[in-house]
């Protein structure tokens, strides 16, 4: 990855949020990976504290904070060398893959 800005490579914030979300999704219990998929329903309280550069080892710490099936809520932080780089709260809805991938 070359980075987000020419001459100043940073990992785009949207990619960092996606990494956090995917890290949190593995915590959702009992998803039928063949027939169900977690979909973002919200992203809130995102704070970027420090840039992440291509090649950095990005470590996530995520947790589910509450659930009311089919909705799950979580929060997470991303770190590079122990330095907080991003934190966010997010929510997901579990839906059937067949519903998500229908052609209109």
PDB file of N, CA and C in Angstrom:
ATOM      1  N   UNK A   1       0.852  -1.170   0.000  1.00  0.00           N
ATOM      2  CA  UNK A   1       0.000   0.000   0.000  1.00  0.00           C
ATOM      3  C   UNK A   1       0.899   1.235   0.000  1.00  0.00           C
ATOM      4  N   UNK A   2       0.621   2.179  -0.858  1.00  0.00           N
ATOM      5  CA  UNK A   2       1.419   3.394  -0.953  1.00  0.00           C
ATOM      6  C   UNK A   2       1.003   4.445   0.062  1.00  0.00           C
ATOM      7  N   UNK A   3      -0.174   4.357   0.587  1.00  0.00           N
ATOM      8  CA  UNK A   3      -0.654   5.350   1.540  1.00  0.00           C
ATOM      9  C   UNK A   3      -1.685   6.270   0.920  1.00  0.00           C
ATOM     10  N   UNK A   4      -2.225   7.133   1.740  1.00  0.00           N
ATOM     11  CA  UNK A   4      -3.372   7.944   1.367  1.00  0.00           C
ATOM     12  C   UNK A   4      -3.001   9.227   0.621  1.00  0.00           C
ATOM     13  N   UNK A   5      -1.947   9.900   1.033  1.00  0.00           N
ATOM     14  CA  UNK A   5      -1.583  11.177   0.437  1.00  0.00           C
ATOM     15  C   UNK A   5      -0.245  11.057  -0.285  1.00  0.00           C
ATOM     16  N   UNK A   6      -0.141  11.549  -1.515  1.00  0.00           N
ATOM     17  CA  UNK A   6       1.156  11.507  -2.207  1.00  0.00           C
ATOM     18  C   UNK A   6       2.217  12.258  -1.404  1.00  0.00           C
ATOM     19  N   UNK A   7       3.345  11.613  -1.183  1.00  0.00           N
ATOM     20  CA  UNK A   7       4.414  12.237  -0.428  1.00  0.00           C
ATOM     21  C   UNK A   7       4.259  12.144   1.079  1.00  0.00           C
ATOM     22  N   UNK A   8       3.093  11.752   1.566  1.00  0.00           N
ATOM     23  CA  UNK A   8       2.843  11.595   3.002  1.00  0.00           C
ATOM     24  C   UNK A   8       1.935  10.387   3.198  1.00  0.00           C
ATOM     25  N   UNK A   9       2.507   9.195   3.124  1.00  0.00           N
ATOM     26  CA  UNK A   9       1.678   7.983   3.176  1.00  0.00           C
ATOM     27  C   UNK A   9       1.135   7.705   4.572  1.00  0.00           C
ATOM     28  N   UNK A  10      -0.174   7.677   4.686  1.00  0.00           N
ATOM     29  CA  UNK A  10      -0.842   7.235   5.909  1.00  0.00           C
ATOM     30  C   UNK A  10      -1.937   6.257   5.503  1.00  0.00           C
ATOM     31  N   UNK A  11      -2.284   5.369   6.425  1.00  0.00           N
ATOM     32  CA  UNK A  11      -3.385   4.449   6.171  1.00  0.00           C
ATOM     33  C   UNK A  11      -4.679   5.239   6.330  1.00  0.00           C
ATOM     34  N   UNK A  12      -5.583   5.193   5.338  1.00  0.00           N
ATOM     35  CA  UNK A  12      -6.833   5.962   5.426  1.00  0.00           C
ATOM     36  C   UNK A  12      -7.670   5.572   6.644  1.00  0.00           C
ATOM     37  N   UNK A  13      -8.303   6.568   7.244  1.00  0.00           N
ATOM     38  CA  UNK A  13      -9.134   6.347   8.419  1.00  0.00           C
ATOM     39  C   UNK A  13     -10.245   5.337   8.195  1.00  0.00           C
ATOM     40  N   UNK A  14     -10.829   5.337   7.004  1.00  0.00           N
ATOM     41  CA  UNK A  14     -11.904   4.390   6.718  1.00  0.00           C
ATOM     42  C   UNK A  14     -11.386   2.947   6.777  1.00  0.00           C
ATOM     43  N   UNK A  15     -10.143   2.744   6.387  1.00  0.00           N
ATOM     44  CA  UNK A  15      -9.543   1.404   6.466  1.00  0.00           C
ATOM     45  C   UNK A  15      -9.326   1.013   7.922  1.00  0.00           C
ATOM     46  N   UNK A  16      -8.878   1.953   8.738  1.00  0.00           N
ATOM     47  CA  UNK A  16      -8.684   1.667  10.165  1.00  0.00           C
ATOM     48  C   UNK A  16     -10.007   1.298  10.828  1.00  0.00           C
ATOM     49  N   UNK A  17     -11.076   2.012  10.485  1.00  0.00           N
ATOM     50  CA  UNK A  17     -12.405   1.700  11.035  1.00  0.00           C
ATOM     51  C   UNK A  17     -12.868   0.330  10.576  1.00  0.00           C
ATOM     52  N   UNK A  18     -12.598  -0.019   9.333  1.00  0.00           N
ATOM     53  CA  UNK A  18     -12.983  -1.335   8.819  1.00  0.00           C
ATOM     54  C   UNK A  18     -12.224  -2.445   9.558  1.00  0.00           C
ATOM     55  N   UNK A  19     -10.944  -2.222   9.829  1.00  0.00           N
ATOM     56  CA  UNK A  19     -10.155  -3.210  10.575  1.00  0.00           C
ATOM     57  C   UNK A  19     -10.757  -3.407  11.972  1.00  0.00           C
ATOM     58  N   UNK A  20     -11.110  -2.323  12.641  1.00  0.00           N
ATOM     59  CA  UNK A  20     -11.731  -2.431  13.967  1.00  0.00           C
ATOM     60  C   UNK A  20     -13.042  -3.207  13.892  1.00  0.00           C
ATOM     61  N   UNK A  21     -13.864  -2.871  12.911  1.00  0.00           N
ATOM     62  CA  UNK A  21     -15.171  -3.527  12.779  1.00  0.00           C
ATOM     63  C   UNK A  21     -15.022  -5.017  12.518  1.00  0.00           C
ATOM     64  N   UNK A  22     -14.126  -5.382  11.611  1.00  0.00           N
ATOM     65  CA  UNK A  22     -13.951  -6.802  11.319  1.00  0.00           C
ATOM     66  C   UNK A  22     -13.383  -7.543  12.528  1.00  0.00           C
ATOM     67  N   UNK A  23     -12.521  -6.875  13.286  1.00  0.00           N
ATOM     68  CA  UNK A  23     -11.992  -7.490  14.506  1.00  0.00           C
ATOM     69  C   UNK A  23     -13.112  -7.746  15.510  1.00  0.00           C
ATOM     70  N   UNK A  24     -14.043  -6.812  15.627  1.00  0.00           N
ATOM     71  CA  UNK A  24     -15.159  -6.969  16.562  1.00  0.00           C
ATOM     72  C   UNK A  24     -16.150  -8.026  16.094  1.00  0.00           C
ATOM     73  N   UNK A  25     -16.332  -8.157  14.796  1.00  0.00           N
ATOM     74  CA  UNK A  25     -17.316  -9.114  14.271  1.00  0.00           C
ATOM     75  C   UNK A  25     -16.996 -10.555  14.650  1.00  0.00           C
ATOM     76  N   UNK A  26     -15.733 -10.870  14.821  1.00  0.00           N
ATOM     77  CA  UNK A  26     -15.415 -12.252  15.186  1.00  0.00           C
ATOM     78  C   UNK A  26     -15.865 -12.574  16.610  1.00  0.00           C
ATOM     79  N   UNK A  27     -16.224 -11.543  17.373  1.00  0.00           N
ATOM     80  CA  UNK A  27     -16.707 -11.756  18.736  1.00  0.00           C
ATOM     81  C   UNK A  27     -18.200 -12.068  18.793  1.00  0.00           C
ATOM     82  N   UNK A  28     -18.907 -11.858  17.696  1.00  0.00           N
ATOM     83  CA  UNK A  28     -20.351 -12.096  17.676  1.00  0.00           C
ATOM     84  C   UNK A  28     -20.600 -13.603  17.696  1.00  0.00           C
ATOM     85  N   UNK A  29     -21.366 -14.075  18.679  1.00  0.00           N
ATOM     86  CA  UNK A  29     -21.582 -15.515  18.793  1.00  0.00           C
ATOM     87  C   UNK A  29     -22.551 -16.064  17.755  1.00  0.00           C
ATOM     88  N   UNK A  30     -22.298 -17.298  17.371  1.00  0.00           N
ATOM     89  CA  UNK A  30     -23.241 -18.100  16.579  1.00  0.00           C
ATOM     90  C   UNK A  30     -23.674 -17.476  15.257  1.00  0.00           C
ATOM     91  N   UNK A  31     -22.738 -16.997  14.477  1.00  0.00           N
ATOM     92  CA  UNK A  31     -23.078 -16.561  13.123  1.00  0.00           C
ATOM     93  C   UNK A  31     -22.880 -17.762  12.206  1.00  0.00           C
ATOM     94  N   UNK A  32     -23.887 -18.074  11.437  1.00  0.00           N
ATOM     95  CA  UNK A  32     -23.796 -19.120  10.429  1.00  0.00           C
ATOM     96  C   UNK A  32     -23.031 -18.535   9.249  1.00  0.00           C
ATOM     97  N   UNK A  33     -21.732 -18.826   9.174  1.00  0.00           N
ATOM     98  CA  UNK A  33     -20.879 -18.185   8.177  1.00  0.00           C
ATOM     99  C   UNK A  33     -21.295 -18.494   6.745  1.00  0.00           C
ATOM    100  N   UNK A  34     -22.035 -19.551   6.537  1.00  0.00           N
ATOM    101  CA  UNK A  34     -22.494 -19.873   5.191  1.00  0.00           C
ATOM    102  C   UNK A  34     -23.716 -19.050   4.793  1.00  0.00           C
ATOM    103  N   UNK A  35     -24.576 -18.741   5.756  1.00  0.00           N
ATOM    104  CA  UNK A  35     -25.836 -18.097   5.405  1.00  0.00           C
ATOM    105  C   UNK A  35     -26.056 -16.703   5.969  1.00  0.00           C
ATOM    106  N   UNK A  36     -25.212 -16.275   6.907  1.00  0.00           N
ATOM    107  CA  UNK A  36     -25.424 -14.978   7.551  1.00  0.00           C
ATOM    108  C   UNK A  36     -24.180 -14.107   7.445  1.00  0.00           C
ATOM    109  N   UNK A  37     -24.399 -12.809   7.570  1.00  0.00           N
ATOM    110  CA  UNK A  37     -23.287 -11.865   7.490  1.00  0.00           C
ATOM    111  C   UNK A  37     -23.587 -10.657   8.390  1.00  0.00           C
ATOM    112  N   UNK A  38     -22.588 -10.189   9.147  1.00  0.00           N
ATOM    113  CA  UNK A  38     -22.788  -8.964   9.928  1.00  0.00           C
ATOM    114  C   UNK A  38     -22.598  -7.750   9.019  1.00  0.00           C
ATOM    115  N   UNK A  39     -23.501  -6.803   9.115  1.00  0.00           N
ATOM    116  CA  UNK A  39     -23.419  -5.582   8.308  1.00  0.00           C
ATOM    117  C   UNK A  39     -23.380  -4.388   9.261  1.00  0.00           C
ATOM    118  N   UNK A  40     -22.521  -3.420   8.924  1.00  0.00           N
ATOM    119  CA  UNK A  40     -22.468  -2.180   9.691  1.00  0.00           C
ATOM    120  C   UNK A  40     -23.857  -1.545   9.766  1.00  0.00           C
ATOM    121  N   UNK A  41     -24.272  -1.113  10.944  1.00  0.00           N
ATOM    122  CA  UNK A  41     -25.484  -0.300  11.054  1.00  0.00           C
ATOM    123  C   UNK A  41     -25.163   1.064  11.643  1.00  0.00           C
ATOM    124  N   UNK A  42     -23.957   1.207  12.213  1.00  0.00           N
ATOM    125  CA  UNK A  42     -23.585   2.508  12.736  1.00  0.00           C
ATOM    126  C   UNK A  42     -22.119   2.577  13.105  1.00  0.00           C
ATOM    127  N   UNK A  43     -21.599   3.774  13.010  1.00  0.00           N
ATOM    128  CA  UNK A  43     -20.224   4.071  13.409  1.00  0.00           C
ATOM    129  C   UNK A  43     -20.282   5.410  14.121  1.00  0.00           C
ATOM    130  N   UNK A  44     -19.786   5.451  15.353  1.00  0.00           N
ATOM    131  CA  UNK A  44     -19.977   6.634  16.180  1.00  0.00           C
ATOM    132  C   UNK A  44     -18.724   6.905  17.012  1.00  0.00           C
ATOM    133  N   UNK A  45     -18.590   8.131  17.441  1.00  0.00           N
ATOM    134  CA  UNK A  45     -17.531   8.539  18.362  1.00  0.00           C
ATOM    135  C   UNK A  45     -16.143   8.149  17.861  1.00  0.00           C
ATOM    136  N   UNK A  46     -15.919   8.271  16.559  1.00  0.00           N
ATOM    137  CA  UNK A  46     -14.614   7.944  15.988  1.00  0.00           C
ATOM    138  C   UNK A  46     -13.638   9.069  16.317  1.00  0.00           C
ATOM    139  N   UNK A  47     -12.482   8.686  16.830  1.00  0.00           N
ATOM    140  CA  UNK A  47     -11.443   9.652  17.151  1.00  0.00           C
ATOM    141  C   UNK A  47     -10.114   9.126  16.629  1.00  0.00           C
ATOM    142  N   UNK A  48      -9.457   9.930  15.810  1.00  0.00           N
ATOM    143  CA  UNK A  48      -8.135   9.593  15.308  1.00  0.00           C
ATOM    144  C   UNK A  48      -7.116  10.332  16.158  1.00  0.00           C
ATOM    145  N   UNK A  49      -6.258   9.589  16.818  1.00  0.00           N
ATOM    146  CA  UNK A  49      -5.322  10.165  17.772  1.00  0.00           C
ATOM    147  C   UNK A  49      -3.901  10.297  17.218  1.00  0.00           C
ATOM    148  N   UNK A  50      -3.538   9.400  16.320  1.00  0.00           N
ATOM    149  CA  UNK A  50      -2.179   9.377  15.803  1.00  0.00           C
ATOM    150  C   UNK A  50      -2.201   8.657  14.453  1.00  0.00           C
ATOM    151  N   UNK A  51      -1.397   9.089  13.488  1.00  0.00           N
ATOM    152  CA  UNK A  51      -1.433   8.436  12.178  1.00  0.00           C
ATOM    153  C   UNK A  51      -0.871   7.014  12.214  1.00  0.00           C
ATOM    154  N   UNK A  52      -1.369   6.211  11.281  1.00  0.00           N
ATOM    155  CA  UNK A  52      -0.862   4.866  11.054  1.00  0.00           C
ATOM    156  C   UNK A  52      -0.251   4.881   9.662  1.00  0.00           C
ATOM    157  N   UNK A  53       0.959   4.337   9.550  1.00  0.00           N
ATOM    158  CA  UNK A  53       1.678   4.365   8.284  1.00  0.00           C
ATOM    159  C   UNK A  53       1.722   2.976   7.662  1.00  0.00           C
ATOM    160  N   UNK A  54       1.775   2.901   6.341  1.00  0.00           N
ATOM    161  CA  UNK A  54       1.921   1.597   5.691  1.00  0.00           C
ATOM    162  C   UNK A  54       3.118   0.843   6.274  1.00  0.00           C
ATOM    163  N   UNK A  55       2.885  -0.425   6.602  1.00  0.00           N
ATOM    164  CA  UNK A  55       3.943  -1.240   7.185  1.00  0.00           C
ATOM    165  C   UNK A  55       3.906  -1.312   8.700  1.00  0.00           C
ATOM    166  N   UNK A  56       3.149  -0.415   9.355  1.00  0.00           N
ATOM    167  CA  UNK A  56       3.011  -0.475  10.815  1.00  0.00           C
ATOM    168  C   UNK A  56       2.268  -1.736  11.217  1.00  0.00           C
ATOM    169  N   UNK A  57       2.611  -2.276  12.376  1.00  0.00           N
ATOM    170  CA  UNK A  57       1.838  -3.371  12.945  1.00  0.00           C
ATOM    171  C   UNK A  57       0.699  -2.754  13.737  1.00  0.00           C
ATOM    172  N   UNK A  58      -0.517  -2.932  13.246  1.00  0.00           N
ATOM    173  CA  UNK A  58      -1.723  -2.330  13.822  1.00  0.00           C
ATOM    174  C   UNK A  58      -2.411  -3.376  14.686  1.00  0.00           C
ATOM    175  N   UNK A  59      -2.501  -3.113  15.973  1.00  0.00           N
ATOM    176  CA  UNK A  59      -3.078  -4.053  16.934  1.00  0.00           C
ATOM    177  C   UNK A  59      -4.433  -3.518  17.387  1.00  0.00           C
ATOM    178  N   UNK A  60      -5.453  -4.383  17.372  1.00  0.00           N
ATOM    179  CA  UNK A  60      -6.787  -3.955  17.795  1.00  0.00           C
ATOM    180  C   UNK A  60      -7.157  -4.569  19.137  1.00  0.00           C
ATOM    181  N   UNK A  61      -7.969  -3.820  19.864  1.00  0.00           N
ATOM    182  CA  UNK A  61      -8.602  -4.301  21.100  1.00  0.00           C
ATOM    183  C   UNK A  61     -10.071  -3.940  20.978  1.00  0.00           C
ATOM    184  N   UNK A  62     -10.892  -4.953  20.827  1.00  0.00           N
ATOM    185  CA  UNK A  62     -12.324  -4.725  20.614  1.00  0.00           C
ATOM    186  C   UNK A  62     -13.133  -5.535  21.609  1.00  0.00           C
ATOM    187  N   UNK A  63     -14.344  -5.052  21.865  1.00  0.00           N
ATOM    188  CA  UNK A  63     -15.248  -5.763  22.764  1.00  0.00           C
ATOM    189  C   UNK A  63     -16.691  -5.458  22.365  1.00  0.00           C
ATOM    190  N   UNK A  64     -17.528  -6.433  22.615  1.00  0.00           N
ATOM    191  CA  UNK A  64     -18.964  -6.206  22.441  1.00  0.00           C
ATOM    192  C   UNK A  64     -19.477  -5.591  23.732  1.00  0.00           C
ATOM    193  N   UNK A  65     -20.281  -4.545  23.623  1.00  0.00           N
ATOM    194  CA  UNK A  65     -20.776  -3.864  24.818  1.00  0.00           C
ATOM    195  C   UNK A  65     -22.209  -4.249  25.147  1.00  0.00           C
ATOM    196  N   UNK A  66     -22.985  -4.613  24.132  1.00  0.00           N
ATOM    197  CA  UNK A  66     -24.354  -5.082  24.380  1.00  0.00           C
ATOM    198  C   UNK A  66     -24.901  -5.709  23.111  1.00  0.00           C
ATOM    199  N   UNK A  67     -25.994  -6.421  23.277  1.00  0.00           N
ATOM    200  CA  UNK A  67     -26.621  -7.053  22.111  1.00  0.00           C
ATOM    201  C   UNK A  67     -28.111  -7.203  22.329  1.00  0.00           C
ATOM    202  N   UNK A  68     -28.814  -7.154  21.246  1.00  0.00           N
ATOM    203  CA  UNK A  68     -30.235  -7.465  21.204  1.00  0.00           C
ATOM    204  C   UNK A  68     -30.439  -8.046  19.810  1.00  0.00           C
ATOM    205  N   UNK A  69     -30.255  -9.366  19.754  1.00  0.00           N
ATOM    206  CA  UNK A  69     -30.240 -10.047  18.455  1.00  0.00           C
ATOM    207  C   UNK A  69     -31.396  -9.566  17.586  1.00  0.00           C
ATOM    208  N   UNK A  70     -31.125  -9.208  16.361  1.00  0.00           N
ATOM    209  CA  UNK A  70     -29.924  -9.421  15.564  1.00  0.00           C
ATOM    210  C   UNK A  70     -28.935  -8.264  15.586  1.00  0.00           C
ATOM    211  N   UNK A  71     -29.019  -7.372  16.574  1.00  0.00           N
ATOM    212  CA  UNK A  71     -28.115  -6.226  16.619  1.00  0.00           C
ATOM    213  C   UNK A  71     -27.065  -6.392  17.719  1.00  0.00           C
ATOM    214  N   UNK A  72     -25.851  -5.985  17.385  1.00  0.00           N
ATOM    215  CA  UNK A  72     -24.730  -6.078  18.312  1.00  0.00           C
ATOM    216  C   UNK A  72     -23.998  -4.741  18.318  1.00  0.00           C
ATOM    217  N   UNK A  73     -23.525  -4.356  19.493  1.00  0.00           N
ATOM    218  CA  UNK A  73     -22.868  -3.058  19.672  1.00  0.00           C
ATOM    219  C   UNK A  73     -21.484  -3.294  20.270  1.00  0.00           C
ATOM    220  N   UNK A  74     -20.522  -2.540  19.793  1.00  0.00           N
ATOM    221  CA  UNK A  74     -19.168  -2.734  20.278  1.00  0.00           C
ATOM    222  C   UNK A  74     -18.369  -1.452  20.264  1.00  0.00           C
ATOM    223  N   UNK A  75     -17.170  -1.580  20.756  1.00  0.00           N
ATOM    224  CA  UNK A  75     -16.230  -0.472  20.713  1.00  0.00           C
ATOM    225  C   UNK A  75     -14.840  -1.064  20.584  1.00  0.00           C
ATOM    226  N   UNK A  76     -13.928  -0.244  20.093  1.00  0.00           N
ATOM    227  CA  UNK A  76     -12.582  -0.754  19.917  1.00  0.00           C
ATOM    228  C   UNK A  76     -11.562   0.351  19.794  1.00  0.00           C
ATOM    229  N   UNK A  77     -10.323  -0.055  19.956  1.00  0.00           N
ATOM    230  CA  UNK A  77      -9.195   0.848  19.799  1.00  0.00           C
ATOM    231  C   UNK A  77      -8.170   0.171  18.908  1.00  0.00           C
ATOM    232  N   UNK A  78      -7.383   0.995  18.225  1.00  0.00           N
ATOM    233  CA  UNK A  78      -6.287   0.486  17.415  1.00  0.00           C
ATOM    234  C   UNK A  78      -4.991   1.141  17.859  1.00  0.00           C
ATOM    235  N   UNK A  79      -3.938   0.335  17.972  1.00  0.00           N
ATOM    236  CA  UNK A  79      -2.654   0.795  18.497  1.00  0.00           C
ATOM    237  C   UNK A  79      -1.511   0.438  17.549  1.00  0.00           C
ATOM    238  N   UNK A  80      -0.482   1.259  17.565  1.00  0.00           N
ATOM    239  CA  UNK A  80       0.799   0.956  16.931  1.00  0.00           C
ATOM    240  C   UNK A  80       1.856   1.154  18.003  1.00  0.00           C
ATOM    241  N   UNK A  81       2.597   0.093  18.285  1.00  0.00           N
ATOM    242  CA  UNK A  81       3.648   0.118  19.315  1.00  0.00           C
ATOM    243  C   UNK A  81       3.133   0.686  20.648  1.00  0.00           C
ATOM    244  N   UNK A  82       1.913   0.286  21.031  1.00  0.00           N
ATOM    245  CA  UNK A  82       1.328   0.718  22.290  1.00  0.00           C
ATOM    246  C   UNK A  82       0.732   2.114  22.270  1.00  0.00           C
ATOM    247  N   UNK A  83       0.839   2.808  21.158  1.00  0.00           N
ATOM    248  CA  UNK A  83       0.320   4.183  21.017  1.00  0.00           C
ATOM    249  C   UNK A  83      -1.102   4.126  20.442  1.00  0.00           C
ATOM    250  N   UNK A  84      -2.070   4.719  21.156  1.00  0.00           N
ATOM    251  CA  UNK A  84      -3.447   4.760  20.681  1.00  0.00           C
ATOM    252  C   UNK A  84      -3.523   5.595  19.403  1.00  0.00           C
ATOM    253  N   UNK A  85      -4.057   4.996  18.345  1.00  0.00           N
ATOM    254  CA  UNK A  85      -4.164   5.690  17.058  1.00  0.00           C
ATOM    255  C   UNK A  85      -5.609   6.019  16.684  1.00  0.00           C
ATOM    256  N   UNK A  86      -6.533   5.133  17.027  1.00  0.00           N
ATOM    257  CA  UNK A  86      -7.938   5.346  16.677  1.00  0.00           C
ATOM    258  C   UNK A  86      -8.812   4.626  17.693  1.00  0.00           C
ATOM    259  N   UNK A  87      -9.987   5.207  17.963  1.00  0.00           N
ATOM    260  CA  UNK A  87     -10.985   4.514  18.777  1.00  0.00           C
ATOM    261  C   UNK A  87     -12.354   4.841  18.203  1.00  0.00           C
ATOM    262  N   UNK A  88     -13.297   3.921  18.389  1.00  0.00           N
ATOM    263  CA  UNK A  88     -14.625   4.098  17.812  1.00  0.00           C
ATOM    264  C   UNK A  88     -15.632   3.181  18.493  1.00  0.00           C
ATOM    265  N   UNK A  89     -16.895   3.544  18.356  1.00  0.00           N
ATOM    266  CA  UNK A  89     -18.019   2.694  18.753  1.00  0.00           C
ATOM    267  C   UNK A  89     -18.751   2.327  17.464  1.00  0.00           C
ATOM    268  N   UNK A  90     -19.316   1.129  17.409  1.00  0.00           N
ATOM    269  CA  UNK A  90     -19.967   0.692  16.191  1.00  0.00           C
ATOM    270  C   UNK A  90     -21.090  -0.284  16.501  1.00  0.00           C
ATOM    271  N   UNK A  91     -21.936  -0.495  15.521  1.00  0.00           N
ATOM    272  CA  UNK A  91     -23.023  -1.467  15.664  1.00  0.00           C
ATOM    273  C   UNK A  91     -23.151  -2.258  14.374  1.00  0.00           C
ATOM    274  N   UNK A  92     -23.706  -3.461  14.531  1.00  0.00           N
ATOM    275  CA  UNK A  92     -23.889  -4.381  13.413  1.00  0.00           C
ATOM    276  C   UNK A  92     -25.270  -4.988  13.478  1.00  0.00           C
ATOM    277  N   UNK A  93     -25.770  -5.354  12.335  1.00  0.00           N
ATOM    278  CA  UNK A  93     -26.987  -6.139  12.247  1.00  0.00           C
ATOM    279  C   UNK A  93     -26.658  -7.429  11.516  1.00  0.00           C
ATOM    280  N   UNK A  94     -27.140  -8.539  12.020  1.00  0.00           N
ATOM    281  CA  UNK A  94     -26.915  -9.821  11.366  1.00  0.00           C
ATOM    282  C   UNK A  94     -28.047 -10.032  10.367  1.00  0.00           C
ATOM    283  N   UNK A  95     -27.685 -10.301   9.142  1.00  0.00           N
ATOM    284  CA  UNK A  95     -28.684 -10.501   8.110  1.00  0.00           C
ATOM    285  C   UNK A  95     -28.317 -11.719   7.260  1.00  0.00           C
ATOM    286  N   UNK A  96     -29.278 -12.196   6.525  1.00  0.00           N
ATOM    287  CA  UNK A  96     -29.042 -13.325   5.626  1.00  0.00           C
ATOM    288  C   UNK A  96     -28.299 -12.848   4.400  1.00  0.00           C
ATOM    289  N   UNK A  97     -27.279 -13.593   3.993  1.00  0.00           N
ATOM    290  CA  UNK A  97     -26.511 -13.234   2.796  1.00  0.00           C
ATOM    291  C   UNK A  97     -27.421 -13.132   1.570  1.00  0.00           C
ATOM    292  N   UNK A  98     -28.404 -13.990   1.506  1.00  0.00           N
ATOM    293  CA  UNK A  98     -29.292 -13.987   0.334  1.00  0.00           C
ATOM    294  C   UNK A  98     -30.042 -12.672   0.207  1.00  0.00           C
ATOM    295  N   UNK A  99     -30.332 -12.011   1.335  1.00  0.00           N
ATOM    296  CA  UNK A  99     -31.026 -10.714   1.313  1.00  0.00           C
ATOM    297  C   UNK A  99     -30.068  -9.622   0.845  1.00  0.00           C
ATOM    298  N   UNK A 100     -28.820  -9.692   1.305  1.00  0.00           N
ATOM    299  CA  UNK A 100     -27.829  -8.662   0.975  1.00  0.00           C
ATOM    300  C   UNK A 100     -27.418  -8.680  -0.484  1.00  0.00           C
ATOM    301  N   UNK A 101     -27.416  -9.851  -1.078  1.00  0.00           N
ATOM    302  CA  UNK A 101     -26.839  -9.972  -2.406  1.00  0.00           C
ATOM    303  C   UNK A 101     -27.889 -10.208  -3.493  1.00  0.00           C
ATOM    304  N   UNK A 102     -29.110  -9.789  -3.245  1.00  0.00           N
ATOM    305  CA  UNK A 102     -30.133  -9.869  -4.288  1.00  0.00           C
ATOM    306  C   UNK A 102     -29.932  -8.729  -5.263  1.00  0.00           C
ATOM    307  N   UNK A 103     -30.078  -9.041  -6.533  1.00  0.00           N
ATOM    308  CA  UNK A 103     -29.984  -8.002  -7.551  1.00  0.00           C
ATOM    309  C   UNK A 103     -31.355  -7.356  -7.735  1.00  0.00           C
ATOM    310  N   UNK A 104     -31.341  -6.050  -7.859  1.00  0.00           N
ATOM    311  CA  UNK A 104     -32.607  -5.319  -8.032  1.00  0.00           C
ATOM    312  C   UNK A 104     -33.061  -5.371  -9.457  1.00  0.00           C
TER     313      UNK A 104
END
